[in-house]
Amino acid sequence: MGARKNGKITIMKILAIETSCDDTCVAIIEVSGDKNPCFRVLSNVISSQVEIHKKWGGVYPSLAKREHQNNLVPVLKEALDRAKILEKSKSVLNKKKTGVLEKILEREKFLLKKLIKFFNSYKKPIIDAITVTIGPGLEPCLWAGINLAKSLSVSWKLPLIPVNHIEAHIFANWIEVFGKNKNVKFPAICLVASGGHTQLILMKKIKSYEILGETRDDAAGECLDKTARILGIGYPGGPIIAVKAEKFKTQHQSEARCWTSSAPKQSFWCGASNLKFQIKLPRPMLNQKNYDFSFSGLKTAVLYDFKKRSTKIRRSKSYIQEMCFEIQQAVIDVLIKKTKQAAKDYKAKTIILGGGVTANKELRKQFAKAFLDESFELVFPEPSFSTDNAAMIGITAYFHFSEAKNWKEIAANANQRI
């Protein structure tokens, strides 16, 4: 274990693995302190598959798994090297350990070959535990990371800690919060918005959660991907829509849509009166008395508007930019109102944002403005920690250190709940 003081660990290193979707991620984090831990990211390596899946307009699980198998060992080596704990060795795995690895990786021969070469080339690093995402996510992708984690745990005789991906998006905030000597006050309302999930979660204290609401169909990120596909502007949708929306906003700065308390029922925003295409999309479930979301209707509205336009208009830069602005704003309006309502109803002291959608600059700006005069503390991680990464997995594992499992007990759970 790490350094100890009065029987308690004061410094430890955790190797974390994340492969829930199409990013191959490995990180090394160092934790110091006990009651008020400070997290230092020694390395956080991410190998993206965006270019591979771009032509399909979405992630193909079997293709993503194959890429994980190809990328995991190189990413592992890079993470250890950046953390300065990769040391060469000439040792050779004994037959017993090789046999266990063959059992774990019986369906992943390519990864097995790479991993045996790795074990025969490098010493066991000075770390205290292995952790890995077990769900939710794409099951084939999850298994790639899990099988690597099992192999490392067995070979290095280290505890293995399973982690929930959604909880990790919440704990991504701890990288910044404790690093700035701040404490999250409870109860907290957590908005996790990503490609596959949009949830409002009541966090009563560390490791105590209640899901208040979630999407009934498409998640926010999924909606952005699908509407971008309708418009023919590429994948992933969120970042592309954000860029085009910002161009539209800049070009119409004198008529920029502004926050208003007297906005129409279906929107927090009042639009400029002479916009060229007068696009007005719905804000699904905005005024319903619950904390659930639904973004499939927004996607359908985009499709109907797109189909009614002439080919010339559909292909025009001005139409695409105005549509992107409205899509993005519709999503932001819904997320802000639902989050604010939950925070008021549950007397929250902190609002926590997490997930790839919350990396959006405009969303962050409008959330900050919406909660400026409220009594809530608003926290969100750096954008690089909002999207999928292994550092957040490592931090989450710290809080579950006592829940380490035998490698035989760990399995993928694609629909795992927080």
Protein backbone atom coordinates (compact mmCIF):
# COMPACT_ATOMS: atom_id res chain seq x y z
CA MET A 1 0.00 0.00 0.00
CA GLY A 2 0.93 3.66 -0.03
CA ALA A 3 2.67 5.59 2.69
CA ARG A 4 0.95 5.35 6.06
CA LYS A 5 0.53 7.56 9.10
CA ASN A 6 -1.06 6.19 12.27
CA GLY A 7 -2.16 3.16 10.32
CA LYS A 8 -3.90 5.18 7.59
CA ILE A 9 -2.81 5.52 3.97
CA THR A 10 -1.70 9.08 3.29
CA ILE A 11 -0.35 8.63 -0.26
CA MET A 12 -1.38 6.08 -2.86
CA LYS A 13 -1.24 5.60 -6.60
CA ILE A 14 -4.10 4.09 -8.62
CA LEU A 15 -3.95 2.88 -12.22
CA ALA A 16 -7.31 3.45 -13.91
CA ILE A 17 -8.78 2.07 -17.16
CA GLU A 18 -11.81 3.37 -19.08
CA THR A 19 -13.23 1.78 -22.26
CA SER A 20 -16.99 2.27 -21.95
CA CYS A 21 -17.37 3.63 -25.48
CA ASP A 22 -14.88 4.63 -28.18
CA ASP A 23 -12.06 6.23 -26.17
CA THR A 24 -9.23 4.03 -24.90
CA CYS A 25 -8.16 5.66 -21.62
CA VAL A 26 -5.55 4.89 -18.97
CA ALA A 27 -4.53 7.20 -16.13
CA ILE A 28 -2.35 7.18 -13.04
CA ILE A 29 -3.57 9.28 -10.12
CA GLU A 30 -1.89 10.01 -6.83
CA VAL A 31 -3.97 10.61 -3.72
CA SER A 32 -2.59 12.37 -0.68
CA GLY A 33 -4.31 13.11 2.59
CA ASP A 34 -7.12 11.24 4.28
CA LYS A 35 -10.09 13.28 5.51
CA ASN A 36 -9.58 15.95 2.86
CA PRO A 37 -7.85 14.09 0.01
CA CYS A 38 -6.02 15.90 -2.77
CA PHE A 39 -5.88 14.27 -6.19
CA ARG A 40 -2.95 14.71 -8.52
CA VAL A 41 -3.19 13.38 -12.07
CA LEU A 42 0.23 11.94 -12.92
CA SER A 43 -0.91 10.91 -16.40
CA ASN A 44 -4.19 10.80 -18.30
CA VAL A 45 -3.81 9.25 -21.75
CA ILE A 46 -6.73 9.07 -24.18
CA SER A 47 -6.69 7.41 -27.60
CA SER A 48 -9.73 8.58 -29.55
CA GLN A 49 -11.49 6.56 -32.26
CA VAL A 50 -13.46 9.50 -33.65
CA GLU A 51 -11.86 9.35 -37.09
CA ILE A 52 -12.60 5.63 -37.36
CA HIS A 53 -16.30 5.97 -36.55
CA LYS A 54 -16.86 9.30 -38.30
CA LYS A 55 -17.85 7.80 -41.63
CA TRP A 56 -20.57 5.75 -39.91
CA GLY A 57 -22.01 8.70 -38.00
CA GLY A 58 -21.82 6.79 -34.72
CA VAL A 59 -19.95 4.13 -32.76
CA TYR A 60 -19.94 0.51 -33.94
CA PRO A 61 -19.37 -1.61 -30.78
CA SER A 62 -17.53 -4.50 -32.45
CA LEU A 63 -15.22 -2.13 -34.33
CA ALA A 64 -14.65 -0.09 -31.17
CA LYS A 65 -13.73 -3.23 -29.21
CA ARG A 66 -11.17 -4.23 -31.83
CA GLU A 67 -9.58 -0.80 -31.62
CA HIS A 68 -9.48 -1.01 -27.82
CA GLN A 69 -7.66 -4.32 -28.08
CA ASN A 70 -5.17 -2.71 -30.41
CA ASN A 71 -4.69 0.46 -28.34
CA LEU A 72 -4.79 -0.69 -24.71
CA VAL A 73 -1.19 -1.83 -24.23
CA PRO A 74 0.38 1.19 -26.03
CA VAL A 75 -1.85 3.55 -24.01
CA LEU A 76 -0.96 1.69 -20.79
CA LYS A 77 2.76 2.04 -21.52
CA GLU A 78 2.40 5.74 -22.31
CA ALA A 79 0.44 6.38 -19.10
CA LEU A 80 3.06 4.60 -16.97
CA ASP A 81 5.87 6.38 -18.79
CA ARG A 82 4.33 9.83 -18.32
CA ALA A 83 3.87 9.07 -14.63
CA LYS A 84 7.57 8.09 -14.53
CA ILE A 85 6.87 4.61 -13.18
CA LEU A 86 7.66 2.53 -16.28
CA GLU A 87 10.85 0.55 -15.74
CA LYS A 88 12.31 -2.07 -18.08
CA SER A 89 12.89 -5.66 -17.00
CA LYS A 90 14.10 -8.97 -18.43
CA SER A 91 11.85 -11.17 -16.30
CA VAL A 92 9.65 -13.81 -17.92
CA LEU A 93 6.13 -14.72 -16.86
CA ASN A 94 5.93 -18.16 -15.30
CA LYS A 95 3.64 -20.84 -16.73
CA LYS A 96 1.04 -20.45 -13.98
CA LYS A 97 0.50 -16.72 -14.61
CA THR A 98 0.59 -17.23 -18.36
CA GLY A 99 -2.11 -19.88 -18.00
CA VAL A 100 -4.34 -17.47 -16.02
CA LEU A 101 -3.85 -14.75 -18.63
CA GLU A 102 -4.77 -17.19 -21.38
CA LYS A 103 -7.98 -17.99 -19.52
CA ILE A 104 -8.88 -14.31 -19.02
CA LEU A 105 -8.06 -13.37 -22.60
CA GLU A 106 -9.19 -16.55 -24.34
CA ARG A 107 -11.33 -14.50 -26.77
CA GLU A 108 -8.78 -11.72 -27.16
CA LYS A 109 -5.69 -13.43 -28.57
CA PHE A 110 -4.29 -10.22 -30.06
CA LEU A 111 -4.41 -8.42 -26.71
CA LEU A 112 -2.97 -11.51 -24.98
CA LYS A 113 0.06 -11.53 -27.27
CA LYS A 114 0.73 -7.83 -26.68
CA LEU A 115 0.23 -8.13 -22.94
CA ILE A 116 2.60 -11.07 -22.46
CA LYS A 117 5.26 -9.12 -24.34
CA PHE A 118 4.59 -6.15 -22.04
CA PHE A 119 4.91 -8.23 -18.85
CA ASN A 120 8.16 -9.73 -20.14
CA SER A 121 9.59 -6.29 -20.87
CA TYR A 122 8.64 -4.15 -17.86
CA LYS A 123 8.69 -4.38 -14.08
CA LYS A 124 5.65 -4.11 -11.86
CA PRO A 125 5.14 -0.35 -11.29
CA ILE A 126 4.87 1.17 -7.83
CA ILE A 127 1.10 1.46 -7.56
CA ASP A 128 -1.46 0.41 -4.97
CA ALA A 129 -4.52 -0.66 -6.98
CA ILE A 130 -6.11 -1.21 -10.38
CA THR A 131 -9.53 0.16 -11.25
CA VAL A 132 -11.76 -0.15 -14.30
CA THR A 133 -15.15 0.95 -15.62
CA ILE A 134 -17.63 -1.95 -15.57
CA GLY A 135 -20.70 -0.01 -16.77
CA PRO A 136 -22.81 1.51 -18.06
CA GLY A 137 -21.56 1.49 -21.63
CA LEU A 138 -21.17 -0.66 -24.72
CA GLU A 139 -20.63 -4.21 -23.48
CA PRO A 140 -17.98 -5.31 -26.02
CA CYS A 141 -15.99 -2.16 -25.23
CA LEU A 142 -16.34 -2.59 -21.47
CA TRP A 143 -14.99 -6.15 -21.65
CA ALA A 144 -11.79 -5.02 -23.38
CA GLY A 145 -10.88 -2.77 -20.47
CA ILE A 146 -12.10 -5.21 -17.84
CA ASN A 147 -9.98 -8.04 -19.23
CA LEU A 148 -6.89 -5.83 -19.23
CA ALA A 149 -7.61 -4.80 -15.63
CA LYS A 150 -8.05 -8.43 -14.57
CA SER A 151 -4.77 -9.37 -16.23
CA LEU A 152 -2.89 -6.57 -14.47
CA SER A 153 -4.49 -7.38 -11.12
CA VAL A 154 -3.53 -11.06 -11.35
CA SER A 155 0.00 -10.50 -12.65
CA TRP A 156 0.88 -7.72 -10.21
CA LYS A 157 -1.17 -9.06 -7.25
CA LEU A 158 -3.04 -5.80 -6.75
CA PRO A 159 -6.63 -5.10 -5.60
CA LEU A 160 -9.14 -4.53 -8.39
CA ILE A 161 -11.88 -1.91 -7.92
CA PRO A 162 -14.94 -1.82 -10.25
CA VAL A 163 -16.31 1.66 -11.01
CA ASN A 164 -19.61 3.04 -12.30
CA HIS A 165 -19.07 5.35 -15.28
CA ILE A 166 -21.87 7.79 -14.33
CA GLU A 167 -20.58 8.16 -10.77
CA ALA A 168 -17.13 8.83 -12.23
CA HIS A 169 -18.48 11.77 -14.27
CA ILE A 170 -19.61 13.27 -10.97
CA PHE A 171 -16.27 12.65 -9.27
CA ALA A 172 -14.43 14.25 -12.20
CA ASN A 173 -15.19 17.48 -10.34
CA TRP A 174 -13.08 16.38 -7.40
CA ILE A 175 -9.93 16.81 -9.49
CA GLU A 176 -10.51 20.55 -9.47
CA VAL A 177 -12.50 21.00 -6.27
CA PHE A 178 -10.07 19.45 -3.83
CA GLY A 179 -7.14 20.75 -5.85
CA LYS A 180 -8.41 24.25 -5.02
CA ASN A 181 -9.08 23.35 -1.37
CA LYS A 182 -12.82 23.62 -1.77
CA ASN A 183 -15.41 21.26 -0.39
CA VAL A 184 -18.61 20.24 -2.13
CA LYS A 185 -21.54 20.96 0.17
CA PHE A 186 -24.42 18.52 0.33
CA PRO A 187 -27.08 17.90 -0.72
CA ALA A 188 -25.98 18.39 -4.31
CA ILE A 189 -27.86 18.09 -7.59
CA CYS A 190 -25.78 16.39 -10.28
CA LEU A 191 -26.53 16.79 -13.97
CA VAL A 192 -24.78 14.12 -16.01
CA ALA A 193 -25.25 14.74 -19.74
CA SER A 194 -23.39 12.68 -22.31
CA GLY A 195 -23.89 10.75 -25.53
CA GLY A 196 -25.71 7.91 -23.84
CA HIS A 197 -27.09 9.42 -20.63
CA THR A 198 -28.92 12.47 -19.37
CA GLN A 199 -29.73 12.20 -15.66
CA LEU A 200 -30.49 14.43 -12.70
CA ILE A 201 -29.14 12.83 -9.54
CA LEU A 202 -29.56 13.87 -5.91
CA MET A 203 -26.23 13.35 -4.16
CA LYS A 204 -26.98 13.31 -0.42
CA LYS A 205 -23.35 12.69 0.50
CA ILE A 206 -20.35 10.81 -0.89
CA LYS A 207 -21.61 7.51 -2.40
CA SER A 208 -25.27 8.24 -1.57
CA TYR A 209 -27.39 8.86 -4.68
CA GLU A 210 -30.98 9.02 -5.85
CA ILE A 211 -31.88 9.34 -9.54
CA LEU A 212 -34.53 12.06 -9.76
CA GLY A 213 -34.99 12.03 -13.51
CA GLU A 214 -33.49 10.79 -16.74
CA THR A 215 -34.10 10.72 -20.46
CA ARG A 216 -37.04 8.67 -21.66
CA ASP A 217 -35.52 8.24 -25.12
CA ASP A 218 -32.54 10.00 -26.71
CA ALA A 219 -29.91 11.47 -24.40
CA ALA A 220 -28.78 15.06 -25.03
CA GLY A 221 -25.53 14.00 -26.70
CA GLU A 222 -27.30 11.37 -28.77
CA CYS A 223 -29.75 14.03 -29.98
CA LEU A 224 -26.88 16.30 -31.01
CA ASP A 225 -25.25 13.45 -32.94
CA LYS A 226 -28.49 12.53 -34.71
CA THR A 227 -29.44 16.08 -35.64
CA ALA A 228 -25.93 16.68 -36.99
CA ARG A 229 -26.38 13.56 -39.11
CA ILE A 230 -29.69 14.92 -40.44
CA LEU A 231 -27.97 18.17 -41.40
CA GLY A 232 -25.06 16.26 -42.94
CA ILE A 233 -22.40 18.14 -40.98
CA GLY A 234 -20.46 15.22 -39.50
CA TYR A 235 -19.72 13.32 -36.30
CA PRO A 236 -19.53 13.78 -33.36
CA GLY A 237 -22.42 16.20 -33.46
CA GLY A 238 -21.98 18.21 -30.26
CA PRO A 239 -18.66 19.92 -31.05
CA ILE A 240 -19.62 20.60 -34.69
CA ILE A 241 -22.99 22.09 -33.73
CA ALA A 242 -21.26 24.24 -31.10
CA VAL A 243 -18.85 25.70 -33.67
CA LYS A 244 -21.59 26.54 -36.17
CA ALA A 245 -23.86 27.92 -33.44
CA GLU A 246 -21.07 30.22 -32.27
CA LYS A 247 -20.57 31.52 -35.83
CA PHE A 248 -24.27 32.27 -36.07
CA LYS A 249 -24.24 34.04 -32.71
CA THR A 250 -21.22 36.14 -33.67
CA GLN A 251 -22.78 37.16 -36.98
CA HIS A 252 -26.01 38.18 -35.24
CA GLN A 253 -24.43 39.74 -32.16
CA SER A 254 -26.65 42.82 -32.33
CA GLU A 255 -29.70 40.57 -32.17
CA ALA A 256 -28.24 37.85 -29.93
CA ARG A 257 -30.84 35.96 -27.99
CA CYS A 258 -30.79 37.08 -24.40
CA TRP A 259 -31.81 35.62 -21.06
CA THR A 260 -35.16 36.92 -19.90
CA SER A 261 -37.51 36.13 -17.05
CA SER A 262 -40.49 37.08 -19.22
CA ALA A 263 -39.74 34.58 -21.98
CA PRO A 264 -42.54 32.61 -23.66
CA LYS A 265 -43.65 29.40 -21.96
CA GLN A 266 -41.76 27.18 -24.36
CA SER A 267 -38.43 28.94 -24.05
CA PHE A 268 -36.25 30.99 -21.73
CA TRP A 269 -35.04 32.93 -24.74
CA CYS A 270 -36.43 35.71 -26.93
CA GLY A 271 -35.18 35.51 -30.49
CA ALA A 272 -34.30 38.25 -32.92
CA SER A 273 -37.30 39.27 -35.01
CA ASN A 274 -35.72 39.24 -38.45
CA LEU A 275 -33.76 36.00 -38.51
CA LYS A 276 -33.71 34.64 -42.02
CA PHE A 277 -35.37 31.26 -41.48
CA GLN A 278 -37.26 31.88 -38.22
CA ILE A 279 -36.46 28.40 -36.94
CA LYS A 280 -38.27 27.59 -33.71
CA LEU A 281 -37.73 24.16 -32.17
CA PRO A 282 -39.63 22.66 -29.22
CA ARG A 283 -38.19 22.36 -25.71
CA PRO A 284 -39.51 18.87 -24.85
CA MET A 285 -40.94 18.36 -21.35
CA LEU A 286 -39.77 21.83 -20.33
CA ASN A 287 -42.85 22.64 -18.26
CA GLN A 288 -43.77 19.19 -17.01
CA LYS A 289 -43.64 18.77 -13.24
CA ASN A 290 -40.92 16.13 -13.20
CA TYR A 291 -37.18 15.89 -13.74
CA ASP A 292 -37.24 13.65 -16.80
CA PHE A 293 -35.96 14.50 -20.26
CA SER A 294 -36.96 13.63 -23.81
CA PHE A 295 -34.90 14.72 -26.80
CA SER A 296 -36.29 12.49 -29.56
CA GLY A 297 -39.01 15.05 -30.29
CA LEU A 298 -36.38 17.71 -30.80
CA LYS A 299 -34.60 15.45 -33.28
CA THR A 300 -37.88 14.84 -35.13
CA ALA A 301 -38.63 18.58 -35.29
CA VAL A 302 -35.23 19.18 -36.88
CA LEU A 303 -35.94 16.46 -39.44
CA TYR A 304 -39.35 17.95 -40.36
CA ASP A 305 -37.93 21.46 -40.73
CA PHE A 306 -35.03 20.16 -42.81
CA LYS A 307 -37.34 18.20 -45.14
CA LYS A 308 -39.63 21.13 -45.84
CA ARG A 309 -36.75 23.30 -47.05
CA SER A 310 -35.52 23.38 -50.63
CA THR A 311 -32.26 21.64 -51.51
CA LYS A 312 -30.61 25.04 -51.93
CA ILE A 313 -31.60 26.15 -48.43
CA ARG A 314 -30.63 22.84 -46.84
CA ARG A 315 -27.13 23.22 -48.21
CA SER A 316 -26.78 26.89 -47.32
CA LYS A 317 -24.34 27.93 -44.62
CA SER A 318 -26.82 30.41 -43.13
CA TYR A 319 -29.55 27.77 -42.65
CA ILE A 320 -27.17 25.23 -41.11
CA GLN A 321 -25.74 27.79 -38.70
CA GLU A 322 -29.15 29.08 -37.61
CA MET A 323 -30.42 25.54 -37.13
CA CYS A 324 -27.35 24.59 -35.08
CA PHE A 325 -27.85 27.64 -32.89
CA GLU A 326 -31.47 26.67 -32.24
CA ILE A 327 -30.68 22.99 -31.59
CA GLN A 328 -28.00 23.86 -29.08
CA GLN A 329 -30.17 26.47 -27.38
CA ALA A 330 -33.12 24.09 -27.10
CA VAL A 331 -30.94 21.53 -25.30
CA ILE A 332 -29.43 24.15 -22.98
CA ASP A 333 -32.86 25.62 -22.11
CA VAL A 334 -34.17 22.23 -21.02
CA LEU A 335 -31.07 21.26 -19.04
CA ILE A 336 -30.98 24.57 -17.16
CA LYS A 337 -34.65 24.68 -16.21
CA LYS A 338 -34.82 21.04 -15.07
CA THR A 339 -31.61 21.37 -13.06
CA LYS A 340 -32.69 24.62 -11.42
CA GLN A 341 -36.08 23.19 -10.50
CA ALA A 342 -34.52 20.09 -8.91
CA ALA A 343 -32.04 22.24 -6.99
CA LYS A 344 -34.82 24.38 -5.56
CA ASP A 345 -37.11 21.47 -4.72
CA TYR A 346 -34.39 19.57 -2.87
CA LYS A 347 -32.76 22.65 -1.30
CA ALA A 348 -29.41 21.80 -2.87
CA LYS A 349 -26.27 23.63 -1.82
CA THR A 350 -24.22 22.61 -4.86
CA ILE A 351 -24.89 22.01 -8.55
CA ILE A 352 -22.46 19.51 -10.12
CA LEU A 353 -22.11 19.11 -13.88
CA GLY A 354 -20.50 16.15 -15.63
CA GLY A 355 -20.40 14.34 -18.97
CA GLY A 356 -19.28 15.28 -22.46
CA VAL A 357 -22.23 17.58 -23.23
CA THR A 358 -21.28 19.78 -20.26
CA ALA A 359 -17.91 20.52 -21.88
CA ASN A 360 -19.85 22.87 -24.22
CA LYS A 361 -18.64 26.46 -23.66
CA GLU A 362 -22.03 28.07 -24.31
CA LEU A 363 -23.75 25.68 -21.92
CA ARG A 364 -21.24 26.51 -19.17
CA LYS A 365 -21.62 30.22 -19.79
CA GLN A 366 -25.41 30.09 -19.60
CA PHE A 367 -25.42 27.81 -16.53
CA ALA A 368 -23.10 30.26 -14.77
CA LYS A 369 -25.42 33.14 -15.65
CA ALA A 370 -28.58 31.24 -14.72
CA PHE A 371 -27.24 30.40 -11.25
CA LEU A 372 -25.40 33.69 -10.64
CA ASP A 373 -27.98 35.14 -8.26
CA GLU A 374 -28.94 31.82 -6.70
CA SER A 375 -27.71 30.33 -3.42
CA PHE A 376 -26.22 27.28 -5.17
CA GLU A 377 -22.51 26.69 -5.72
CA LEU A 378 -21.96 25.65 -9.35
CA VAL A 379 -19.04 23.32 -10.05
CA PHE A 380 -17.87 21.64 -13.23
CA PRO A 381 -14.57 20.04 -14.25
CA GLU A 382 -12.16 21.27 -16.87
CA PRO A 383 -13.51 20.33 -20.34
CA SER A 384 -10.83 17.64 -20.73
CA PHE A 385 -12.22 15.90 -17.65
CA SER A 386 -15.87 16.29 -18.72
CA THR A 387 -15.50 13.89 -21.63
CA ASP A 388 -14.58 10.23 -21.05
CA ASN A 389 -11.22 9.80 -19.32
CA ALA A 390 -9.58 7.42 -16.88
CA ALA A 391 -8.55 10.03 -14.28
CA MET A 392 -12.17 10.30 -13.13
CA ILE A 393 -12.30 6.49 -12.82
CA GLY A 394 -9.24 6.55 -10.58
CA ILE A 395 -10.68 9.22 -8.30
CA THR A 396 -13.96 7.35 -7.97
CA ALA A 397 -12.05 4.18 -7.10
CA TYR A 398 -10.39 5.98 -4.18
CA PHE A 399 -13.80 6.41 -2.53
CA HIS A 400 -14.56 2.71 -3.12
CA PHE A 401 -11.14 1.38 -2.14
CA SER A 402 -12.60 -0.93 0.49
CA GLU A 403 -14.89 -2.51 -2.14
CA ALA A 404 -12.12 -4.16 -4.18
CA LYS A 405 -13.15 -7.48 -5.74
CA ASN A 406 -11.51 -10.70 -6.78
CA TRP A 407 -10.95 -10.57 -10.55
CA LYS A 408 -13.28 -13.55 -11.02
CA GLU A 409 -16.19 -11.55 -9.55
CA ILE A 410 -15.96 -8.65 -11.99
CA ALA A 411 -18.05 -8.55 -15.17
CA ALA A 412 -19.37 -5.94 -17.57
CA ASN A 413 -22.77 -4.45 -16.79
CA ALA A 414 -23.82 -2.43 -19.82
CA ASN A 415 -26.99 -1.09 -18.11
CA GLN A 416 -25.55 -0.52 -14.64
CA ARG A 417 -27.36 2.06 -12.52
CA ILE A 418 -25.69 4.45 -10.15
